[in-house]
């Protein structure tokens, strides 16, 4: 009997060892370190040279490479300057930066930096579109953000996803909502990701819910409530509610910081293979700052993996996860230096 139990234990240990050996581990594979202070991230993506391109509070636009940090598109009114910026993303081998709701500038890579190539104009509606994020997908621009459609004394109708053709002509306004009370939902980040060849995925920062849109027909295919992990902290009801400030410059800015970090907001979303990867704040002293949630887009967005990390996800490209060490610079502790950690899934040895 003892011998039989021993054999069973040895067999179980062998099977466990085989499972662990064959499992994947989320490991850091590279690190770029620079002695420069960044503000919080407005937008970021990985370009064709596998460099980080981003727009950051106070310091502006930067390219981060393994060897150095490069400034481009300085603040100004010249062709290669930017007065301000909102969304930016790859565009036909170049990059495009939205300076104003109806104006964007295309920059091309030359001698290691980005230089102005052309300015594109987008037909505006009656009200300004507060653009938060965008992609160029299926030869169309998909732009997220808050755009009022109709406004009366007691009601406001808005759209959160606007689609343009490549000539800047509007095609469709989707993800519509109606509000009857004053609010500041225009300050919330709204994410958009291209999936496969014919779908785009929309999700707001304040809710684990995806809207799937047909890139061809420009119609909503379905909405899916994502599985909510146990640590998730729901956004408090008093966040993003309109109020007047005695000192708007300082007090409103402090509220923006509180709203961005005071609940399990979605800080980034990207696709890796069949997975929609969503990074959220944990808002838990028992966990690390963030969690990467892996939802299988081919299995009704079932949550299949969770990885906890202190690093802030910037983008995913070719299976590599580019992150700013220790959090969103300027919003999280220990982010004084620009350190880019790069992760990948590797088989456990």
C-alpha atoms as a PDB file:
ATOM      1  CA  UNK A   1       0.000   0.000   0.000  1.00  0.00           C
ATOM      2  CA  UNK A   2       2.791   2.410   0.956  1.00  0.00           C
ATOM      3  CA  UNK A   3       4.608   1.533  -2.256  1.00  0.00           C
ATOM      4  CA  UNK A   4       1.434   2.226  -4.257  1.00  0.00           C
ATOM      5  CA  UNK A   5       0.991   5.629  -2.572  1.00  0.00           C
ATOM      6  CA  UNK A   6       4.641   6.458  -3.236  1.00  0.00           C
ATOM      7  CA  UNK A   7       4.244   5.586  -6.904  1.00  0.00           C
ATOM      8  CA  UNK A   8       1.102   7.792  -7.102  1.00  0.00           C
ATOM      9  CA  UNK A   9       2.897  10.740  -5.481  1.00  0.00           C
ATOM     10  CA  UNK A  10       5.905  10.370  -7.781  1.00  0.00           C
ATOM     11  CA  UNK A  11       3.582  10.198 -10.814  1.00  0.00           C
ATOM     12  CA  UNK A  12       1.692  13.317  -9.694  1.00  0.00           C
ATOM     13  CA  UNK A  13       4.944  15.223  -9.127  1.00  0.00           C
ATOM     14  CA  UNK A  14       6.184  14.168 -12.548  1.00  0.00           C
ATOM     15  CA  UNK A  15       2.968  15.325 -14.192  1.00  0.00           C
ATOM     16  CA  UNK A  16       3.094  18.653 -12.293  1.00  0.00           C
ATOM     17  CA  UNK A  17       6.695  19.153 -13.354  1.00  0.00           C
ATOM     18  CA  UNK A  18       5.786  18.487 -16.974  1.00  0.00           C
ATOM     19  CA  UNK A  19       2.930  20.991 -16.845  1.00  0.00           C
ATOM     20  CA  UNK A  20       5.124  23.688 -15.319  1.00  0.00           C
ATOM     21  CA  UNK A  21       7.910  22.947 -17.783  1.00  0.00           C
ATOM     22  CA  UNK A  22       5.537  23.295 -20.715  1.00  0.00           C
ATOM     23  CA  UNK A  23       3.772  26.410 -19.413  1.00  0.00           C
ATOM     24  CA  UNK A  24       4.492  29.928 -20.591  1.00  0.00           C
ATOM     25  CA  UNK A  25       5.945  32.650 -18.417  1.00  0.00           C
ATOM     26  CA  UNK A  26       5.538  36.389 -18.863  1.00  0.00           C
ATOM     27  CA  UNK A  27       9.168  37.526 -18.737  1.00  0.00           C
ATOM     28  CA  UNK A  28      11.097  40.728 -19.231  1.00  0.00           C
ATOM     29  CA  UNK A  29      13.343  40.300 -22.275  1.00  0.00           C
ATOM     30  CA  UNK A  30      14.846  43.787 -22.598  1.00  0.00           C
ATOM     31  CA  UNK A  31      15.152  47.150 -20.882  1.00  0.00           C
ATOM     32  CA  UNK A  32      15.945  50.661 -22.136  1.00  0.00           C
ATOM     33  CA  UNK A  33      17.027  53.149 -19.482  1.00  0.00           C
ATOM     34  CA  UNK A  34      17.253  56.932 -19.868  1.00  0.00           C
ATOM     35  CA  UNK A  35      17.792  59.718 -17.359  1.00  0.00           C
ATOM     36  CA  UNK A  36      14.886  61.966 -18.362  1.00  0.00           C
ATOM     37  CA  UNK A  37      11.648  62.862 -16.607  1.00  0.00           C
ATOM     38  CA  UNK A  38       8.354  62.392 -18.463  1.00  0.00           C
ATOM     39  CA  UNK A  39       4.836  63.682 -17.858  1.00  0.00           C
ATOM     40  CA  UNK A  40       1.843  61.389 -18.005  1.00  0.00           C
ATOM     41  CA  UNK A  41       1.077  59.589 -21.231  1.00  0.00           C
ATOM     42  CA  UNK A  42      -1.504  60.991 -23.679  1.00  0.00           C
ATOM     43  CA  UNK A  43      -0.814  58.517 -26.458  1.00  0.00           C
ATOM     44  CA  UNK A  44       1.863  55.977 -27.309  1.00  0.00           C
ATOM     45  CA  UNK A  45       2.511  53.284 -29.889  1.00  0.00           C
ATOM     46  CA  UNK A  46       5.368  51.318 -31.437  1.00  0.00           C
ATOM     47  CA  UNK A  47       6.471  52.476 -34.866  1.00  0.00           C
ATOM     48  CA  UNK A  48       7.903  50.535 -37.819  1.00  0.00           C
ATOM     49  CA  UNK A  49      11.420  50.682 -36.302  1.00  0.00           C
ATOM     50  CA  UNK A  50      10.133  49.202 -33.013  1.00  0.00           C
ATOM     51  CA  UNK A  51      10.652  52.506 -31.221  1.00  0.00           C
ATOM     52  CA  UNK A  52       8.228  54.029 -28.731  1.00  0.00           C
ATOM     53  CA  UNK A  53       6.447  57.106 -30.066  1.00  0.00           C
ATOM     54  CA  UNK A  54       4.450  59.096 -27.534  1.00  0.00           C
ATOM     55  CA  UNK A  55       2.937  62.382 -26.510  1.00  0.00           C
ATOM     56  CA  UNK A  56       3.497  63.283 -22.874  1.00  0.00           C
ATOM     57  CA  UNK A  57       2.180  65.999 -20.570  1.00  0.00           C
ATOM     58  CA  UNK A  58       4.414  69.088 -20.370  1.00  0.00           C
ATOM     59  CA  UNK A  59       7.311  67.698 -22.433  1.00  0.00           C
ATOM     60  CA  UNK A  60       5.472  67.014 -25.715  1.00  0.00           C
ATOM     61  CA  UNK A  61       6.280  64.452 -28.409  1.00  0.00           C
ATOM     62  CA  UNK A  62       9.122  61.973 -27.994  1.00  0.00           C
ATOM     63  CA  UNK A  63      10.685  58.989 -29.719  1.00  0.00           C
ATOM     64  CA  UNK A  64      12.270  56.535 -27.302  1.00  0.00           C
ATOM     65  CA  UNK A  65      14.890  54.155 -28.710  1.00  0.00           C
ATOM     66  CA  UNK A  66      17.223  51.756 -26.895  1.00  0.00           C
ATOM     67  CA  UNK A  67      20.018  54.346 -27.160  1.00  0.00           C
ATOM     68  CA  UNK A  68      18.371  57.757 -26.763  1.00  0.00           C
ATOM     69  CA  UNK A  69      15.297  59.978 -26.560  1.00  0.00           C
ATOM     70  CA  UNK A  70      14.491  62.210 -29.530  1.00  0.00           C
ATOM     71  CA  UNK A  71      12.252  65.282 -29.506  1.00  0.00           C
ATOM     72  CA  UNK A  72      10.027  66.006 -32.486  1.00  0.00           C
ATOM     73  CA  UNK A  73       7.116  68.283 -33.419  1.00  0.00           C
ATOM     74  CA  UNK A  74       7.873  71.046 -30.893  1.00  0.00           C
ATOM     75  CA  UNK A  75       5.184  73.400 -29.633  1.00  0.00           C
ATOM     76  CA  UNK A  76       4.532  76.119 -32.189  1.00  0.00           C
ATOM     77  CA  UNK A  77       2.591  77.139 -35.269  1.00  0.00           C
ATOM     78  CA  UNK A  78       4.994  76.129 -38.035  1.00  0.00           C
ATOM     79  CA  UNK A  79       4.318  73.248 -40.460  1.00  0.00           C
ATOM     80  CA  UNK A  80       6.364  70.800 -38.368  1.00  0.00           C
ATOM     81  CA  UNK A  81       5.143  72.174 -35.025  1.00  0.00           C
ATOM     82  CA  UNK A  82       2.090  71.334 -32.944  1.00  0.00           C
ATOM     83  CA  UNK A  83      -0.048  73.772 -30.973  1.00  0.00           C
ATOM     84  CA  UNK A  84      -1.463  70.814 -29.046  1.00  0.00           C
ATOM     85  CA  UNK A  85      -2.193  67.123 -29.642  1.00  0.00           C
ATOM     86  CA  UNK A  86      -4.746  64.483 -28.783  1.00  0.00           C
ATOM     87  CA  UNK A  87      -4.607  61.188 -30.675  1.00  0.00           C
ATOM     88  CA  UNK A  88      -1.731  59.865 -32.783  1.00  0.00           C
ATOM     89  CA  UNK A  89      -1.189  56.529 -34.516  1.00  0.00           C
ATOM     90  CA  UNK A  90       0.512  54.835 -37.505  1.00  0.00           C
ATOM     91  CA  UNK A  91      -0.748  55.905 -40.913  1.00  0.00           C
ATOM     92  CA  UNK A  92       0.398  54.338 -44.213  1.00  0.00           C
ATOM     93  CA  UNK A  93       3.966  53.810 -43.036  1.00  0.00           C
ATOM     94  CA  UNK A  94       4.082  57.263 -41.428  1.00  0.00           C
ATOM     95  CA  UNK A  95       2.374  58.605 -38.311  1.00  0.00           C
ATOM     96  CA  UNK A  96      -0.517  61.041 -37.975  1.00  0.00           C
ATOM     97  CA  UNK A  97      -1.057  63.409 -35.043  1.00  0.00           C
ATOM     98  CA  UNK A  98      -4.407  65.119 -34.448  1.00  0.00           C
ATOM     99  CA  UNK A  99      -3.680  68.709 -33.526  1.00  0.00           C
ATOM    100  CA  UNK A 100      -7.270  69.994 -33.557  1.00  0.00           C
ATOM    101  CA  UNK A 101     -10.666  68.286 -34.103  1.00  0.00           C
ATOM    102  CA  UNK A 102     -10.556  69.001 -37.840  1.00  0.00           C
ATOM    103  CA  UNK A 103      -6.817  69.144 -38.401  1.00  0.00           C
ATOM    104  CA  UNK A 104      -4.104  66.491 -38.347  1.00  0.00           C
ATOM    105  CA  UNK A 105      -0.468  66.458 -39.393  1.00  0.00           C
ATOM    106  CA  UNK A 106       1.327  63.558 -41.038  1.00  0.00           C
ATOM    107  CA  UNK A 107       4.976  63.009 -40.075  1.00  0.00           C
ATOM    108  CA  UNK A 108       7.424  60.720 -41.849  1.00  0.00           C
ATOM    109  CA  UNK A 109      10.600  59.124 -40.459  1.00  0.00           C
ATOM    110  CA  UNK A 110      13.794  60.763 -41.694  1.00  0.00           C
ATOM    111  CA  UNK A 111      17.286  60.483 -40.188  1.00  0.00           C
ATOM    112  CA  UNK A 112      15.916  58.899 -37.027  1.00  0.00           C
ATOM    113  CA  UNK A 113      13.240  61.506 -36.284  1.00  0.00           C
ATOM    114  CA  UNK A 114       9.808  62.502 -37.560  1.00  0.00           C
ATOM    115  CA  UNK A 115       9.441  65.451 -39.934  1.00  0.00           C
ATOM    116  CA  UNK A 116       6.291  67.081 -41.279  1.00  0.00           C
ATOM    117  CA  UNK A 117       4.994  65.626 -44.547  1.00  0.00           C
ATOM    118  CA  UNK A 118       1.502  67.044 -45.010  1.00  0.00           C
ATOM    119  CA  UNK A 119      -1.519  68.451 -43.192  1.00  0.00           C
ATOM    120  CA  UNK A 120      -4.880  66.684 -43.498  1.00  0.00           C
ATOM    121  CA  UNK A 121      -8.233  68.327 -42.890  1.00  0.00           C
ATOM    122  CA  UNK A 122     -11.335  66.574 -41.559  1.00  0.00           C
ATOM    123  CA  UNK A 123     -14.838  67.937 -42.045  1.00  0.00           C
ATOM    124  CA  UNK A 124     -16.194  69.049 -38.681  1.00  0.00           C
ATOM    125  CA  UNK A 125     -19.685  68.949 -37.289  1.00  0.00           C
ATOM    126  CA  UNK A 126     -21.412  71.760 -35.428  1.00  0.00           C
ATOM    127  CA  UNK A 127     -19.760  70.855 -32.131  1.00  0.00           C
ATOM    128  CA  UNK A 128     -16.079  70.012 -31.509  1.00  0.00           C
ATOM    129  CA  UNK A 129     -15.006  66.382 -31.398  1.00  0.00           C
ATOM    130  CA  UNK A 130     -12.853  65.795 -28.287  1.00  0.00           C
ATOM    131  CA  UNK A 131     -10.669  63.069 -29.769  1.00  0.00           C
ATOM    132  CA  UNK A 132      -9.052  60.589 -27.363  1.00  0.00           C
ATOM    133  CA  UNK A 133      -7.691  57.778 -29.538  1.00  0.00           C
ATOM    134  CA  UNK A 134      -7.733  56.538 -33.114  1.00  0.00           C
ATOM    135  CA  UNK A 135      -6.634  53.992 -35.696  1.00  0.00           C
ATOM    136  CA  UNK A 136      -6.373  53.903 -39.479  1.00  0.00           C
ATOM    137  CA  UNK A 137      -8.009  50.608 -40.386  1.00  0.00           C
ATOM    138  CA  UNK A 138      -9.600  49.258 -43.567  1.00  0.00           C
ATOM    139  CA  UNK A 139      -8.629  52.545 -45.268  1.00  0.00           C
ATOM    140  CA  UNK A 140     -10.720  54.524 -42.782  1.00  0.00           C
ATOM    141  CA  UNK A 141     -10.078  56.650 -39.714  1.00  0.00           C
ATOM    142  CA  UNK A 142     -11.795  55.409 -36.544  1.00  0.00           C
ATOM    143  CA  UNK A 143     -11.650  58.143 -33.907  1.00  0.00           C
ATOM    144  CA  UNK A 144     -12.920  57.812 -30.360  1.00  0.00           C
ATOM    145  CA  UNK A 145     -13.882  60.662 -28.090  1.00  0.00           C
ATOM    146  CA  UNK A 146     -16.784  62.788 -27.010  1.00  0.00           C
ATOM    147  CA  UNK A 147     -18.695  64.548 -29.812  1.00  0.00           C
ATOM    148  CA  UNK A 148     -22.015  66.287 -29.083  1.00  0.00           C
ATOM    149  CA  UNK A 149     -24.635  65.731 -31.763  1.00  0.00           C
ATOM    150  CA  UNK A 150     -27.578  67.702 -30.360  1.00  0.00           C
ATOM    151  CA  UNK A 151     -27.823  69.942 -27.320  1.00  0.00           C
ATOM    152  CA  UNK A 152     -30.904  71.377 -25.622  1.00  0.00           C
ATOM    153  CA  UNK A 153     -31.444  72.910 -22.206  1.00  0.00           C
ATOM    154  CA  UNK A 154     -32.247  69.551 -20.603  1.00  0.00           C
ATOM    155  CA  UNK A 155     -30.644  66.965 -22.870  1.00  0.00           C
ATOM    156  CA  UNK A 156     -27.473  66.188 -24.779  1.00  0.00           C
ATOM    157  CA  UNK A 157     -26.980  63.507 -27.428  1.00  0.00           C
ATOM    158  CA  UNK A 158     -23.406  62.448 -28.128  1.00  0.00           C
ATOM    159  CA  UNK A 159     -21.361  59.992 -30.177  1.00  0.00           C
ATOM    160  CA  UNK A 160     -18.186  58.244 -29.004  1.00  0.00           C
ATOM    161  CA  UNK A 161     -16.944  56.796 -32.304  1.00  0.00           C
ATOM    162  CA  UNK A 162     -16.609  58.769 -35.536  1.00  0.00           C
ATOM    163  CA  UNK A 163     -15.489  57.272 -38.834  1.00  0.00           C
ATOM    164  CA  UNK A 164     -13.907  59.214 -41.703  1.00  0.00           C
ATOM    165  CA  UNK A 165     -12.706  58.171 -45.121  1.00  0.00           C
ATOM    166  CA  UNK A 166      -9.109  58.832 -46.152  1.00  0.00           C
ATOM    167  CA  UNK A 167     -10.097  62.215 -47.581  1.00  0.00           C
ATOM    168  CA  UNK A 168     -11.434  63.490 -44.270  1.00  0.00           C
ATOM    169  CA  UNK A 169     -15.127  63.085 -45.120  1.00  0.00           C
ATOM    170  CA  UNK A 170     -17.340  61.760 -42.300  1.00  0.00           C
ATOM    171  CA  UNK A 171     -18.904  58.343 -42.874  1.00  0.00           C
ATOM    172  CA  UNK A 172     -20.644  57.396 -39.624  1.00  0.00           C
ATOM    173  CA  UNK A 173     -21.121  58.364 -35.976  1.00  0.00           C
ATOM    174  CA  UNK A 174     -21.571  55.375 -33.676  1.00  0.00           C
ATOM    175  CA  UNK A 175     -21.779  54.478 -29.962  1.00  0.00           C
ATOM    176  CA  UNK A 176     -24.462  57.065 -29.192  1.00  0.00           C
ATOM    177  CA  UNK A 177     -25.602  58.105 -25.722  1.00  0.00           C
ATOM    178  CA  UNK A 178     -28.095  60.593 -24.289  1.00  0.00           C
ATOM    179  CA  UNK A 179     -27.430  62.559 -21.088  1.00  0.00           C
ATOM    180  CA  UNK A 180     -29.779  64.634 -18.990  1.00  0.00           C
ATOM    181  CA  UNK A 181     -27.389  65.869 -16.268  1.00  0.00           C
ATOM    182  CA  UNK A 182     -24.159  67.910 -16.443  1.00  0.00           C
ATOM    183  CA  UNK A 183     -21.007  65.809 -16.438  1.00  0.00           C
ATOM    184  CA  UNK A 184     -17.365  65.643 -17.521  1.00  0.00           C
ATOM    185  CA  UNK A 185     -17.408  62.343 -19.384  1.00  0.00           C
ATOM    186  CA  UNK A 186     -15.442  64.048 -22.150  1.00  0.00           C
ATOM    187  CA  UNK A 187     -12.385  63.615 -19.893  1.00  0.00           C
ATOM    188  CA  UNK A 188     -12.606  59.802 -19.954  1.00  0.00           C
ATOM    189  CA  UNK A 189     -10.316  57.842 -22.279  1.00  0.00           C
ATOM    190  CA  UNK A 190     -12.008  55.763 -24.981  1.00  0.00           C
ATOM    191  CA  UNK A 191     -10.007  52.966 -26.613  1.00  0.00           C
ATOM    192  CA  UNK A 192     -10.194  51.588 -30.157  1.00  0.00           C
ATOM    193  CA  UNK A 193      -8.361  48.530 -31.529  1.00  0.00           C
ATOM    194  CA  UNK A 194      -8.373  46.920 -34.951  1.00  0.00           C
ATOM    195  CA  UNK A 195      -8.995  43.163 -34.839  1.00  0.00           C
ATOM    196  CA  UNK A 196      -8.208  40.718 -37.671  1.00  0.00           C
ATOM    197  CA  UNK A 197      -9.140  42.411 -40.963  1.00  0.00           C
ATOM    198  CA  UNK A 198     -12.758  43.442 -40.566  1.00  0.00           C
ATOM    199  CA  UNK A 199     -13.597  44.373 -36.977  1.00  0.00           C
ATOM    200  CA  UNK A 200     -12.789  47.122 -34.550  1.00  0.00           C
ATOM    201  CA  UNK A 201     -13.160  46.897 -30.789  1.00  0.00           C
ATOM    202  CA  UNK A 202     -14.295  49.903 -28.756  1.00  0.00           C
ATOM    203  CA  UNK A 203     -14.161  50.115 -24.978  1.00  0.00           C
ATOM    204  CA  UNK A 204     -14.362  53.023 -22.527  1.00  0.00           C
ATOM    205  CA  UNK A 205     -11.882  53.371 -19.669  1.00  0.00           C
ATOM    206  CA  UNK A 206     -14.597  53.313 -17.011  1.00  0.00           C
ATOM    207  CA  UNK A 207     -16.349  50.053 -17.874  1.00  0.00           C
ATOM    208  CA  UNK A 208     -15.326  46.477 -18.738  1.00  0.00           C
ATOM    209  CA  UNK A 209     -17.545  46.314 -21.782  1.00  0.00           C
ATOM    210  CA  UNK A 210     -16.616  45.991 -25.455  1.00  0.00           C
ATOM    211  CA  UNK A 211     -18.531  47.055 -28.536  1.00  0.00           C
ATOM    212  CA  UNK A 212     -17.649  45.190 -31.733  1.00  0.00           C
ATOM    213  CA  UNK A 213     -18.060  47.202 -34.934  1.00  0.00           C
ATOM    214  CA  UNK A 214     -17.915  45.970 -38.529  1.00  0.00           C
ATOM    215  CA  UNK A 215     -15.180  47.915 -40.318  1.00  0.00           C
ATOM    216  CA  UNK A 216     -16.889  47.213 -43.663  1.00  0.00           C
ATOM    217  CA  UNK A 217     -20.532  47.957 -42.891  1.00  0.00           C
ATOM    218  CA  UNK A 218     -19.851  50.462 -40.079  1.00  0.00           C
ATOM    219  CA  UNK A 219     -22.482  48.813 -37.928  1.00  0.00           C
ATOM    220  CA  UNK A 220     -22.402  47.529 -34.374  1.00  0.00           C
ATOM    221  CA  UNK A 221     -22.142  43.733 -34.429  1.00  0.00           C
ATOM    222  CA  UNK A 222     -22.557  43.115 -30.720  1.00  0.00           C
ATOM    223  CA  UNK A 223     -21.740  44.292 -27.207  1.00  0.00           C
ATOM    224  CA  UNK A 224     -20.090  42.046 -24.630  1.00  0.00           C
ATOM    225  CA  UNK A 225     -19.799  42.584 -20.884  1.00  0.00           C
ATOM    226  CA  UNK A 226     -16.306  41.418 -19.968  1.00  0.00           C
ATOM    227  CA  UNK A 227     -15.703  39.237 -16.926  1.00  0.00           C
ATOM    228  CA  UNK A 228     -14.861  41.406 -13.924  1.00  0.00           C
ATOM    229  CA  UNK A 229     -11.947  40.163 -11.755  1.00  0.00           C
ATOM    230  CA  UNK A 230     -12.343  40.041  -7.990  1.00  0.00           C
ATOM    231  CA  UNK A 231      -9.976  42.926  -7.260  1.00  0.00           C
ATOM    232  CA  UNK A 232     -11.761  45.306  -9.657  1.00  0.00           C
ATOM    233  CA  UNK A 233     -12.844  48.607  -8.088  1.00  0.00           C
ATOM    234  CA  UNK A 234     -15.841  50.139  -9.830  1.00  0.00           C
ATOM    235  CA  UNK A 235     -15.792  53.832 -10.666  1.00  0.00           C
ATOM    236  CA  UNK A 236     -17.483  55.819  -7.856  1.00  0.00           C
ATOM    237  CA  UNK A 237     -20.747  57.525  -8.771  1.00  0.00           C
ATOM    238  CA  UNK A 238     -19.377  61.003  -8.033  1.00  0.00           C
ATOM    239  CA  UNK A 239     -16.482  60.727 -10.540  1.00  0.00           C
ATOM    240  CA  UNK A 240     -16.685  62.865 -13.693  1.00  0.00           C
ATOM    241  CA  UNK A 241     -19.687  64.801 -12.380  1.00  0.00           C
ATOM    242  CA  UNK A 242     -19.763  68.474 -13.350  1.00  0.00           C
ATOM    243  CA  UNK A 243     -19.071  70.960 -10.565  1.00  0.00           C
ATOM    244  CA  UNK A 244     -17.784  74.495 -10.276  1.00  0.00           C
ATOM    245  CA  UNK A 245     -14.406  75.236  -8.719  1.00  0.00           C
ATOM    246  CA  UNK A 246     -13.174  78.189  -6.668  1.00  0.00           C
ATOM    247  CA  UNK A 247      -9.730  77.569  -8.136  1.00  0.00           C
ATOM    248  CA  UNK A 248     -10.379  75.807 -11.464  1.00  0.00           C
ATOM    249  CA  UNK A 249      -6.745  75.630 -12.587  1.00  0.00           C
ATOM    250  CA  UNK A 250      -5.538  73.660  -9.553  1.00  0.00           C
ATOM    251  CA  UNK A 251      -8.660  71.983  -8.169  1.00  0.00           C
ATOM    252  CA  UNK A 252      -9.890  70.693 -11.511  1.00  0.00           C
ATOM    253  CA  UNK A 253      -6.426  69.305 -12.279  1.00  0.00           C
ATOM    254  CA  UNK A 254      -6.411  67.471  -8.932  1.00  0.00           C
ATOM    255  CA  UNK A 255      -9.820  66.005  -9.704  1.00  0.00           C
ATOM    256  CA  UNK A 256      -8.559  64.809 -13.092  1.00  0.00           C
ATOM    257  CA  UNK A 257      -5.738  62.957 -11.309  1.00  0.00           C
ATOM    258  CA  UNK A 258      -8.137  61.449  -8.762  1.00  0.00           C
ATOM    259  CA  UNK A 259     -10.589  60.364 -11.441  1.00  0.00           C
ATOM    260  CA  UNK A 260      -7.831  58.739 -13.482  1.00  0.00           C
ATOM    261  CA  UNK A 261      -6.293  56.762 -10.603  1.00  0.00           C
ATOM    262  CA  UNK A 262      -9.077  56.314  -8.051  1.00  0.00           C
ATOM    263  CA  UNK A 263     -10.723  53.233  -9.559  1.00  0.00           C
ATOM    264  CA  UNK A 264      -9.838  50.284 -11.819  1.00  0.00           C
ATOM    265  CA  UNK A 265      -9.750  52.351 -14.988  1.00  0.00           C
ATOM    266  CA  UNK A 266      -8.614  50.804 -18.254  1.00  0.00           C
ATOM    267  CA  UNK A 267      -5.233  52.374 -18.947  1.00  0.00           C
ATOM    268  CA  UNK A 268      -4.499  50.591 -22.240  1.00  0.00           C
ATOM    269  CA  UNK A 269      -5.951  47.963 -24.534  1.00  0.00           C
ATOM    270  CA  UNK A 270      -4.312  46.124 -27.426  1.00  0.00           C
ATOM    271  CA  UNK A 271      -4.482  42.851 -29.329  1.00  0.00           C
ATOM    272  CA  UNK A 272      -2.012  39.958 -29.197  1.00  0.00           C
ATOM    273  CA  UNK A 273      -3.099  37.132 -31.483  1.00  0.00           C
ATOM    274  CA  UNK A 274      -6.632  36.125 -30.492  1.00  0.00           C
ATOM    275  CA  UNK A 275      -6.404  37.954 -27.182  1.00  0.00           C
ATOM    276  CA  UNK A 276      -7.786  41.345 -26.332  1.00  0.00           C
ATOM    277  CA  UNK A 277      -5.302  42.490 -23.684  1.00  0.00           C
ATOM    278  CA  UNK A 278      -6.770  45.024 -21.265  1.00  0.00           C
ATOM    279  CA  UNK A 279      -4.670  46.718 -18.601  1.00  0.00           C
ATOM    280  CA  UNK A 280      -6.536  48.007 -15.554  1.00  0.00           C
ATOM    281  CA  UNK A 281      -5.488  49.567 -12.282  1.00  0.00           C
ATOM    282  CA  UNK A 282      -5.921  47.206  -9.367  1.00  0.00           C
ATOM    283  CA  UNK A 283      -6.438  49.916  -6.727  1.00  0.00           C
ATOM    284  CA  UNK A 284      -5.446  47.246  -4.203  1.00  0.00           C
ATOM    285  CA  UNK A 285      -2.656  47.312  -1.636  1.00  0.00           C
ATOM    286  CA  UNK A 286      -2.496  43.504  -1.867  1.00  0.00           C
ATOM    287  CA  UNK A 287      -1.683  43.498  -5.583  1.00  0.00           C
ATOM    288  CA  UNK A 288       0.681  45.304  -7.921  1.00  0.00           C
ATOM    289  CA  UNK A 289      -0.402  48.561  -9.533  1.00  0.00           C
ATOM    290  CA  UNK A 290      -1.884  47.031 -12.671  1.00  0.00           C
ATOM    291  CA  UNK A 291      -3.301  43.814 -14.053  1.00  0.00           C
ATOM    292  CA  UNK A 292      -3.143  42.597 -17.642  1.00  0.00           C
ATOM    293  CA  UNK A 293      -6.401  40.810 -18.443  1.00  0.00           C
ATOM    294  CA  UNK A 294      -6.353  38.396 -21.390  1.00  0.00           C
ATOM    295  CA  UNK A 295      -9.775  38.017 -23.011  1.00  0.00           C
ATOM    296  CA  UNK A 296     -10.068  35.432 -25.805  1.00  0.00           C
ATOM    297  CA  UNK A 297     -11.791  37.264 -28.658  1.00  0.00           C
ATOM    298  CA  UNK A 298     -12.496  33.941 -30.409  1.00  0.00           C
ATOM    299  CA  UNK A 299     -14.219  32.518 -27.327  1.00  0.00           C
ATOM    300  CA  UNK A 300     -16.774  35.246 -26.579  1.00  0.00           C
ATOM    301  CA  UNK A 301     -14.069  37.277 -24.810  1.00  0.00           C
ATOM    302  CA  UNK A 302     -13.625  34.777 -22.000  1.00  0.00           C
ATOM    303  CA  UNK A 303     -11.048  35.874 -19.416  1.00  0.00           C
ATOM    304  CA  UNK A 304      -8.325  33.223 -19.612  1.00  0.00           C
ATOM    305  CA  UNK A 305      -5.199  34.769 -18.061  1.00  0.00           C
ATOM    306  CA  UNK A 306      -4.267  37.537 -15.641  1.00  0.00           C
ATOM    307  CA  UNK A 307      -0.800  38.995 -15.093  1.00  0.00           C
ATOM    308  CA  UNK A 308      -0.066  41.511 -12.337  1.00  0.00           C
ATOM    309  CA  UNK A 309       2.605  44.140 -12.924  1.00  0.00           C
ATOM    310  CA  UNK A 310       3.785  47.530 -11.707  1.00  0.00           C
ATOM    311  CA  UNK A 311       4.627  48.613 -15.264  1.00  0.00           C
ATOM    312  CA  UNK A 312       2.372  50.748 -17.446  1.00  0.00           C
ATOM    313  CA  UNK A 313       1.559  49.169 -20.824  1.00  0.00           C
ATOM    314  CA  UNK A 314       2.299  51.444 -23.787  1.00  0.00           C
ATOM    315  CA  UNK A 315       1.633  49.093 -26.700  1.00  0.00           C
ATOM    316  CA  UNK A 316       1.994  45.519 -27.971  1.00  0.00           C
ATOM    317  CA  UNK A 317       3.744  44.667 -31.216  1.00  0.00           C
ATOM    318  CA  UNK A 318       4.836  41.280 -32.591  1.00  0.00           C
ATOM    319  CA  UNK A 319       4.224  39.598 -29.241  1.00  0.00           C
ATOM    320  CA  UNK A 320       6.336  42.141 -27.338  1.00  0.00           C
ATOM    321  CA  UNK A 321       4.816  44.232 -24.566  1.00  0.00           C
ATOM    322  CA  UNK A 322       6.398  47.688 -24.259  1.00  0.00           C
ATOM    323  CA  UNK A 323       5.895  49.201 -20.806  1.00  0.00           C
ATOM    324  CA  UNK A 324       6.932  52.280 -18.857  1.00  0.00           C
ATOM    325  CA  UNK A 325       8.546  51.036 -15.637  1.00  0.00           C
ATOM    326  CA  UNK A 326       6.612  51.491 -12.388  1.00  0.00           C
ATOM    327  CA  UNK A 327       3.545  53.154 -13.860  1.00  0.00           C
ATOM    328  CA  UNK A 328       2.233  56.062 -15.865  1.00  0.00           C
ATOM    329  CA  UNK A 329       4.939  58.763 -15.644  1.00  0.00           C
ATOM    330  CA  UNK A 330       3.841  61.722 -13.563  1.00  0.00           C
ATOM    331  CA  UNK A 331       0.866  59.846 -12.118  1.00  0.00           C
ATOM    332  CA  UNK A 332       2.569  56.953 -10.349  1.00  0.00           C
ATOM    333  CA  UNK A 333       5.486  56.774  -7.913  1.00  0.00           C
ATOM    334  CA  UNK A 334       9.021  55.818  -8.985  1.00  0.00           C
ATOM    335  CA  UNK A 335       8.617  57.007 -12.593  1.00  0.00           C
ATOM    336  CA  UNK A 336      11.183  59.834 -12.501  1.00  0.00           C
ATOM    337  CA  UNK A 337      13.424  58.171 -15.072  1.00  0.00           C
ATOM    338  CA  UNK A 338      12.312  56.934 -18.475  1.00  0.00           C
ATOM    339  CA  UNK A 339      12.750  53.173 -18.234  1.00  0.00           C
ATOM    340  CA  UNK A 340      11.104  51.008 -20.891  1.00  0.00           C
ATOM    341  CA  UNK A 341      10.658  47.358 -19.946  1.00  0.00           C
ATOM    342  CA  UNK A 342       9.861  44.923 -22.740  1.00  0.00           C
ATOM    343  CA  UNK A 343       8.080  41.639 -21.966  1.00  0.00           C
ATOM    344  CA  UNK A 344       7.105  38.536 -23.893  1.00  0.00           C
ATOM    345  CA  UNK A 345       5.586  35.132 -23.275  1.00  0.00           C
ATOM    346  CA  UNK A 346       8.260  32.443 -23.142  1.00  0.00           C
ATOM    347  CA  UNK A 347       8.053  28.738 -22.425  1.00  0.00           C
ATOM    348  CA  UNK A 348       9.102  27.890 -18.878  1.00  0.00           C
ATOM    349  CA  UNK A 349      12.352  25.952 -18.663  1.00  0.00           C
END
